[in-house]
Amino acid sequence: MAGQYLKKIIAKSPDDLQFISACCHQAKVKISDIKYLPKNKIFIISLERYNRETEEKKSKINSIIKFEFIESTKSKKIDQNNPDLILELLAIDIFKKNFKYEIVLLFSNNKIINLNAEVIEITLEDQIKIND
């Protein structure tokens, strides 16, 4: 097998974010793999997603989504005391609100994480391929 190319996608607009959202549809996220670093204004999610951009649609890849310039976060219907809980990410959406942005991560069973941001700066970076 030839060297593996790991993607890095940077979103700076709602249109860019739609592409990251599509790449991460149905990704599995463990509660313990979600981190908010308020001092750095960074929100990070490590996830296992399907490699939809290649011919190998069923292969899985570990990726990290990094949201920068995050001022605050809140979650709905997510038990943060259960680190082994696995969420399924359905979509990431964005709304403009009073010169700021609200980024919404929508998970299955109406579980939601809201991020409030100054600007849109979101990176999806592939880590390693998972062989099933």
Protein backbone atom coordinates (compact mmCIF):
# COMPACT_ATOMS: atom_id res chain seq x y z
CA MET A 1 0.00 0.00 0.00
CA ALA A 2 1.35 3.42 -0.97
CA GLY A 3 1.82 6.25 1.54
CA GLN A 4 -1.43 7.49 2.99
CA TYR A 5 -2.46 11.06 2.42
CA LEU A 6 -4.12 12.59 5.46
CA LYS A 7 -6.52 15.42 4.77
CA LYS A 8 -6.75 18.77 6.46
CA ILE A 9 -9.80 20.89 5.64
CA ILE A 10 -10.08 24.43 6.95
CA ALA A 11 -13.50 26.11 7.10
CA LYS A 12 -13.73 29.91 7.28
CA SER A 13 -17.30 30.26 6.01
CA PRO A 14 -20.68 28.54 6.41
CA ASP A 15 -20.22 26.95 2.96
CA ASP A 16 -16.86 25.46 3.95
CA LEU A 17 -18.43 24.15 7.15
CA GLN A 18 -21.09 22.28 5.13
CA PHE A 19 -18.32 20.21 3.57
CA ILE A 20 -16.86 19.31 6.99
CA SER A 21 -20.38 18.49 8.20
CA ALA A 22 -20.92 16.13 5.25
CA CYS A 23 -17.56 14.42 5.86
CA CYS A 24 -18.45 13.84 9.52
CA HIS A 25 -22.06 12.66 9.05
CA GLN A 26 -22.62 9.53 11.21
CA ALA A 27 -19.22 9.87 12.90
CA LYS A 28 -18.91 8.26 16.32
CA VAL A 29 -17.80 10.50 19.17
CA LYS A 30 -16.99 9.38 22.70
CA ILE A 31 -17.87 11.93 25.43
CA SER A 32 -14.32 11.66 26.82
CA ASP A 33 -12.99 12.75 23.38
CA ILE A 34 -14.70 16.15 23.55
CA LYS A 35 -12.64 18.93 25.13
CA TYR A 36 -13.15 22.65 25.65
CA LEU A 37 -10.10 24.77 26.49
CA PRO A 38 -11.62 28.12 27.54
CA LYS A 39 -8.28 29.89 28.05
CA ASN A 40 -7.25 29.04 24.49
CA LYS A 41 -10.81 29.47 23.14
CA ILE A 42 -10.52 26.06 21.47
CA PHE A 43 -13.10 23.26 21.31
CA ILE A 44 -11.80 19.89 20.09
CA ILE A 45 -13.61 16.71 19.11
CA SER A 46 -11.83 13.48 18.26
CA LEU A 47 -14.06 11.21 16.18
CA GLU A 48 -14.19 8.08 14.10
CA ARG A 49 -15.76 8.77 10.73
CA TYR A 50 -16.35 7.08 7.39
CA ASN A 51 -13.82 8.08 4.74
CA ARG A 52 -16.52 9.37 2.36
CA GLU A 53 -14.16 11.30 0.10
CA THR A 54 -12.50 8.19 -1.33
CA GLU A 55 -13.61 5.08 -3.18
CA GLU A 56 -13.36 3.19 0.12
CA LYS A 57 -16.59 4.63 1.55
CA LYS A 58 -16.78 1.94 4.24
CA SER A 59 -13.27 2.49 5.58
CA LYS A 60 -13.05 4.48 8.80
CA ILE A 61 -10.61 7.16 9.79
CA ASN A 62 -9.83 8.95 13.04
CA SER A 63 -10.13 12.70 12.67
CA ILE A 64 -10.05 15.76 14.86
CA ILE A 65 -12.30 18.77 14.44
CA LYS A 66 -10.85 21.88 16.02
CA PHE A 67 -13.08 24.92 16.52
CA GLU A 68 -11.14 28.11 17.30
CA PHE A 69 -12.20 31.47 18.81
CA ILE A 70 -14.90 29.76 20.91
CA GLU A 71 -16.18 32.02 23.66
CA SER A 72 -18.62 29.63 25.33
CA THR A 73 -20.25 26.22 24.96
CA LYS A 74 -23.38 24.53 26.20
CA SER A 75 -24.87 21.12 25.68
CA LYS A 76 -28.40 19.77 25.76
CA LYS A 77 -29.43 16.20 26.66
CA ILE A 78 -25.80 14.99 26.97
CA ASP A 79 -24.72 13.18 30.13
CA GLN A 80 -21.19 14.54 30.60
CA ASN A 81 -20.67 12.30 33.64
CA ASN A 82 -20.63 9.24 31.40
CA PRO A 83 -17.21 9.37 29.64
CA ASP A 84 -17.90 6.14 27.71
CA LEU A 85 -21.12 7.40 26.16
CA ILE A 86 -20.90 7.30 22.35
CA LEU A 87 -22.66 9.98 20.31
CA GLU A 88 -23.44 9.89 16.61
CA LEU A 89 -22.78 13.22 14.90
CA LEU A 90 -25.46 14.00 12.32
CA ALA A 91 -24.63 17.54 11.24
CA ILE A 92 -22.79 20.76 12.05
CA ASP A 93 -24.62 23.99 11.31
CA ILE A 94 -23.91 27.67 11.84
CA PHE A 95 -26.02 30.76 12.49
CA LYS A 96 -25.04 34.40 12.65
CA LYS A 97 -26.25 36.12 15.78
CA ASN A 98 -25.48 39.77 16.66
CA PHE A 99 -22.11 39.90 14.85
CA LYS A 100 -21.12 36.54 16.37
CA TYR A 101 -21.64 32.94 15.29
CA GLU A 102 -23.46 30.07 16.90
CA ILE A 103 -22.15 26.70 15.77
CA VAL A 104 -24.55 23.82 16.42
CA LEU A 105 -23.39 20.21 16.58
CA LEU A 106 -26.43 18.00 16.19
CA PHE A 107 -26.19 14.40 17.40
CA SER A 108 -28.69 11.54 17.23
CA ASN A 109 -31.54 11.52 19.78
CA ASN A 110 -31.73 15.34 19.77
CA LYS A 111 -28.45 15.74 21.65
CA ILE A 112 -26.86 19.12 20.92
CA ILE A 113 -23.70 21.09 21.59
CA ASN A 114 -23.78 24.86 20.95
CA LEU A 115 -20.57 26.82 20.48
CA ASN A 116 -20.45 30.61 20.45
CA ALA A 117 -17.65 31.99 18.30
CA GLU A 118 -16.19 35.33 17.30
CA VAL A 119 -15.16 34.13 13.84
CA ILE A 120 -15.41 30.91 11.83
CA GLU A 121 -12.16 28.96 12.02
CA ILE A 122 -12.75 25.21 11.98
CA THR A 123 -10.27 22.53 10.96
CA LEU A 124 -10.97 18.87 10.16
CA GLU A 125 -7.74 16.92 10.25
CA ASP A 126 -7.37 13.20 9.59
CA GLN A 127 -5.17 11.25 11.98
CA ILE A 128 -4.96 7.56 11.08
CA LYS A 129 -6.92 5.06 9.06
CA ILE A 130 -8.67 2.28 10.98
CA ASN A 131 -8.52 -1.19 9.50
CA ASP A 132 -11.70 -3.13 10.26
